[in-house]
């Protein structure tokens, strides 16, 4: 495949860009929603507390308040 072939393929892809972009955008939105749903299934409040506890065990005590804030935000996201 030569440079001309690559340029022509790129032009073809860009020429049908509106339809391709809309399809890709719809697919990405659907995939993102699926990932969020999966994350909500896995990241229960109990699991968030476990992870926060593990982080607090490994980090200095002055980080604990920040970890607690992030854990609370994660729990809010789940509800």
N, C-alpha and C. Protein backbone atom coordinates (compact mmCIF):
# COMPACT_ATOMS: atom_id res chain seq x y z
N UNK A 1 0.86 -1.17 0.00
CA UNK A 1 0.00 0.00 0.00
C UNK A 1 0.90 1.22 0.00
N UNK A 2 0.67 2.09 -0.96
CA UNK A 2 1.47 3.28 -1.09
C UNK A 2 0.86 4.46 -0.37
N UNK A 3 1.57 5.55 -0.42
CA UNK A 3 1.12 6.79 0.22
C UNK A 3 -0.18 7.27 -0.40
N UNK A 4 -0.31 7.15 -1.72
CA UNK A 4 -1.55 7.57 -2.40
C UNK A 4 -2.75 6.77 -1.89
N UNK A 5 -2.54 5.48 -1.68
CA UNK A 5 -3.63 4.65 -1.17
C UNK A 5 -4.06 5.09 0.23
N UNK A 6 -3.09 5.41 1.07
CA UNK A 6 -3.40 5.88 2.42
C UNK A 6 -4.15 7.20 2.38
N UNK A 7 -3.70 8.11 1.53
CA UNK A 7 -4.36 9.41 1.40
C UNK A 7 -5.79 9.22 0.91
N UNK A 8 -5.99 8.37 -0.07
CA UNK A 8 -7.33 8.13 -0.61
C UNK A 8 -8.25 7.50 0.44
N UNK A 9 -7.72 6.58 1.23
CA UNK A 9 -8.52 5.96 2.29
C UNK A 9 -8.92 7.02 3.33
N UNK A 10 -7.97 7.89 3.66
CA UNK A 10 -8.27 8.95 4.61
C UNK A 10 -9.34 9.88 4.06
N UNK A 11 -9.24 10.22 2.78
CA UNK A 11 -10.25 11.08 2.16
C UNK A 11 -11.61 10.40 2.17
N UNK A 12 -11.64 9.10 1.86
CA UNK A 12 -12.91 8.37 1.88
C UNK A 12 -13.52 8.38 3.27
N UNK A 13 -12.69 8.18 4.27
CA UNK A 13 -13.19 8.16 5.64
C UNK A 13 -13.71 9.54 6.05
N UNK A 14 -12.99 10.57 5.67
CA UNK A 14 -13.41 11.92 6.01
C UNK A 14 -14.64 12.34 5.22
N UNK A 15 -14.76 11.86 4.00
CA UNK A 15 -15.91 12.20 3.18
C UNK A 15 -17.21 11.70 3.78
N UNK A 16 -17.14 10.53 4.38
CA UNK A 16 -18.34 10.00 5.03
C UNK A 16 -18.27 10.25 6.53
N UNK A 17 -17.59 11.31 6.88
CA UNK A 17 -17.31 11.61 8.28
C UNK A 17 -18.54 11.91 9.10
N UNK A 18 -19.52 12.58 8.56
CA UNK A 18 -20.70 12.95 9.35
C UNK A 18 -21.43 11.72 9.84
N UNK A 19 -21.70 10.78 8.94
CA UNK A 19 -22.40 9.57 9.35
C UNK A 19 -21.53 8.72 10.27
N UNK A 20 -20.26 8.62 9.93
CA UNK A 20 -19.35 7.82 10.76
C UNK A 20 -19.17 8.41 12.14
N UNK A 21 -19.10 9.72 12.21
CA UNK A 21 -18.93 10.38 13.50
C UNK A 21 -20.17 10.20 14.36
N UNK A 22 -21.34 10.32 13.76
CA UNK A 22 -22.58 10.14 14.53
C UNK A 22 -22.68 8.72 15.04
N UNK A 23 -22.34 7.75 14.21
CA UNK A 23 -22.39 6.35 14.64
C UNK A 23 -21.39 6.08 15.75
N UNK A 24 -20.20 6.61 15.60
CA UNK A 24 -19.17 6.41 16.63
C UNK A 24 -19.57 7.08 17.93
N UNK A 25 -20.16 8.27 17.84
CA UNK A 25 -20.60 8.97 19.04
C UNK A 25 -21.69 8.21 19.77
N UNK A 26 -22.64 7.67 19.03
CA UNK A 26 -23.70 6.87 19.65
C UNK A 26 -23.16 5.62 20.29
N UNK A 27 -22.22 4.99 19.62
CA UNK A 27 -21.60 3.78 20.17
C UNK A 27 -20.81 4.09 21.44
N UNK A 28 -20.10 5.20 21.44
CA UNK A 28 -19.31 5.58 22.62
C UNK A 28 -20.22 5.92 23.79
N UNK A 29 -21.32 6.60 23.52
CA UNK A 29 -22.26 6.95 24.59
C UNK A 29 -22.86 5.70 25.20
N UNK A 30 -23.23 4.76 24.37
CA UNK A 30 -23.78 3.51 24.87
C UNK A 30 -22.76 2.73 25.68
N UNK A 31 -21.53 2.72 25.22
CA UNK A 31 -20.46 2.03 25.94
C UNK A 31 -20.17 2.67 27.28
N UNK A 32 -20.20 4.00 27.33
CA UNK A 32 -19.94 4.71 28.58
C UNK A 32 -21.04 4.42 29.59
N UNK A 33 -22.29 4.38 29.14
CA UNK A 33 -23.39 4.08 30.05
C UNK A 33 -23.26 2.68 30.61
N UNK A 34 -22.83 1.75 29.77
CA UNK A 34 -22.62 0.38 30.23
C UNK A 34 -21.50 0.29 31.25
N UNK A 35 -20.44 1.05 31.05
CA UNK A 35 -19.33 1.06 32.00
C UNK A 35 -19.75 1.64 33.34
N UNK A 36 -20.55 2.68 33.30
CA UNK A 36 -21.03 3.30 34.54
C UNK A 36 -21.91 2.33 35.31
N UNK A 37 -22.80 1.64 34.59
CA UNK A 37 -23.66 0.66 35.25
C UNK A 37 -22.84 -0.46 35.87
N UNK A 38 -21.84 -0.93 35.16
CA UNK A 38 -20.97 -2.00 35.68
C UNK A 38 -20.21 -1.51 36.90
N UNK A 39 -19.71 -0.29 36.87
CA UNK A 39 -18.98 0.27 38.01
C UNK A 39 -19.88 0.37 39.23
N UNK A 40 -21.14 0.74 39.02
CA UNK A 40 -22.08 0.84 40.14
C UNK A 40 -22.35 -0.53 40.76
N UNK A 41 -22.36 -1.57 39.93
CA UNK A 41 -22.57 -2.92 40.44
C UNK A 41 -21.39 -3.36 41.31
N UNK A 42 -20.19 -3.05 40.87
CA UNK A 42 -18.98 -3.51 41.55
C UNK A 42 -18.63 -2.63 42.74
N UNK A 43 -18.81 -1.34 42.61
CA UNK A 43 -18.39 -0.40 43.65
C UNK A 43 -19.52 -0.13 44.63
N UNK A 44 -19.79 -1.10 45.47
CA UNK A 44 -20.80 -0.91 46.51
C UNK A 44 -20.20 -0.04 47.61
N UNK A 45 -21.06 0.48 48.48
CA UNK A 45 -20.57 1.29 49.60
C UNK A 45 -19.60 0.49 50.46
N UNK A 46 -19.90 -0.78 50.64
CA UNK A 46 -19.02 -1.64 51.43
C UNK A 46 -17.64 -1.76 50.79
N UNK A 47 -17.61 -1.93 49.47
CA UNK A 47 -16.33 -2.06 48.75
C UNK A 47 -15.56 -0.74 48.80
N UNK A 48 -16.27 0.37 48.70
CA UNK A 48 -15.62 1.68 48.78
C UNK A 48 -14.96 1.85 50.14
N UNK A 49 -15.66 1.43 51.21
CA UNK A 49 -15.08 1.51 52.55
C UNK A 49 -13.84 0.63 52.68
N UNK A 50 -13.88 -0.55 52.07
CA UNK A 50 -12.72 -1.46 52.11
C UNK A 50 -11.52 -0.83 51.42
N UNK A 51 -11.75 -0.26 50.26
CA UNK A 51 -10.66 0.36 49.50
C UNK A 51 -10.12 1.57 50.26
N UNK A 52 -11.03 2.37 50.81
CA UNK A 52 -10.59 3.55 51.57
C UNK A 52 -9.75 3.12 52.76
N UNK A 53 -10.16 2.07 53.45
CA UNK A 53 -9.39 1.56 54.58
C UNK A 53 -8.00 1.10 54.17
N UNK A 54 -7.92 0.40 53.04
CA UNK A 54 -6.63 -0.07 52.54
C UNK A 54 -5.72 1.10 52.18
N UNK A 55 -6.29 2.11 51.56
CA UNK A 55 -5.50 3.30 51.20
C UNK A 55 -5.00 4.00 52.46
N UNK A 56 -5.88 4.13 53.44
CA UNK A 56 -5.50 4.81 54.68
C UNK A 56 -4.42 4.04 55.44
N UNK A 57 -4.42 2.72 55.31
CA UNK A 57 -3.37 1.90 55.95
C UNK A 57 -2.01 2.13 55.31
N UNK A 58 -2.00 2.45 54.02
CA UNK A 58 -0.74 2.58 53.27
C UNK A 58 -0.23 4.01 53.17
N UNK A 59 -1.03 4.98 53.56
CA UNK A 59 -0.63 6.38 53.41
C UNK A 59 -0.50 7.05 54.78
N UNK A 60 0.18 8.20 54.83
CA UNK A 60 0.30 8.93 56.10
C UNK A 60 -1.07 9.38 56.61
N UNK A 61 -1.15 9.58 57.91
CA UNK A 61 -2.42 9.95 58.55
C UNK A 61 -2.99 11.26 58.04
N UNK A 62 -2.14 12.17 57.58
CA UNK A 62 -2.66 13.45 57.10
C UNK A 62 -3.44 13.31 55.79
N UNK A 63 -3.43 12.16 55.18
CA UNK A 63 -4.16 11.90 53.94
C UNK A 63 -5.56 11.35 54.23
N UNK A 64 -5.80 10.87 55.44
CA UNK A 64 -7.05 10.19 55.78
C UNK A 64 -8.29 11.03 55.48
N UNK A 65 -8.26 12.31 55.79
CA UNK A 65 -9.43 13.17 55.55
C UNK A 65 -9.75 13.25 54.06
N UNK A 66 -8.74 13.33 53.23
CA UNK A 66 -8.95 13.38 51.78
C UNK A 66 -9.53 12.06 51.28
N UNK A 67 -9.02 10.96 51.78
CA UNK A 67 -9.53 9.65 51.39
C UNK A 67 -11.00 9.53 51.78
N UNK A 68 -11.34 9.99 52.98
CA UNK A 68 -12.73 9.95 53.43
C UNK A 68 -13.64 10.78 52.53
N UNK A 69 -13.17 11.94 52.10
CA UNK A 69 -13.97 12.79 51.20
C UNK A 69 -14.21 12.10 49.86
N UNK A 70 -13.17 11.49 49.32
CA UNK A 70 -13.30 10.80 48.04
C UNK A 70 -14.24 9.60 48.18
N UNK A 71 -14.13 8.87 49.29
CA UNK A 71 -15.01 7.74 49.53
C UNK A 71 -16.47 8.19 49.62
N UNK A 72 -16.72 9.29 50.29
CA UNK A 72 -18.09 9.80 50.40
C UNK A 72 -18.64 10.21 49.03
N UNK A 73 -17.80 10.82 48.22
CA UNK A 73 -18.23 11.20 46.87
C UNK A 73 -18.57 9.94 46.06
N UNK A 74 -17.75 8.90 46.22
CA UNK A 74 -18.03 7.64 45.53
C UNK A 74 -19.35 7.04 45.96
N UNK A 75 -19.65 7.12 47.24
CA UNK A 75 -20.91 6.60 47.75
C UNK A 75 -22.08 7.42 47.22
N UNK A 76 -21.92 8.74 47.13
CA UNK A 76 -22.97 9.59 46.58
C UNK A 76 -23.23 9.25 45.12
N UNK A 77 -22.17 8.95 44.39
CA UNK A 77 -22.28 8.60 42.99
C UNK A 77 -23.09 7.31 42.82
N UNK A 78 -22.97 6.39 43.75
CA UNK A 78 -23.69 5.12 43.69
C UNK A 78 -25.19 5.28 43.91
N UNK A 79 -25.57 6.30 44.64
CA UNK A 79 -27.00 6.43 44.97
C UNK A 79 -27.68 7.25 43.96
